[in-house]
Amino acid sequence: MKKKKVSILGAKIELVSIPRDELKGLNTDMLLRFFYYEATFHNQAICIVQAKNNEVYTPLKYRKITEQIEQVVCKPDARIEKELELLIEGMK
């Protein structure tokens, strides 16, 4: 299981790669386009998705992708938001 550390609002957070078998339900396109991680931030389970390429997404596209991923991957109340992506440092 791959692990990496990022900084979110100055707090060091450890990201743990989500195993492929826990991603069942996502279509092949979604599996190939993103890396999937889980973490805990302020006692809240969150999912973080990192694009495998440098593709730029519109806010609407992010929202649609988020909704698809949340249905399969995320814990209850966890949200994947564009704002969170902007706060994460060191993903690359």
Foldseek 3Di string as FASTA:
>chain_A
DDWDWKAFPNDIKIWDWDDPVLQPPDDPVLVQQWTWTWTADPNDIEIEIDGPDPDDDDQVRVVVSFVSRCVRHDDPPYGYHPVRVVRIPDPD
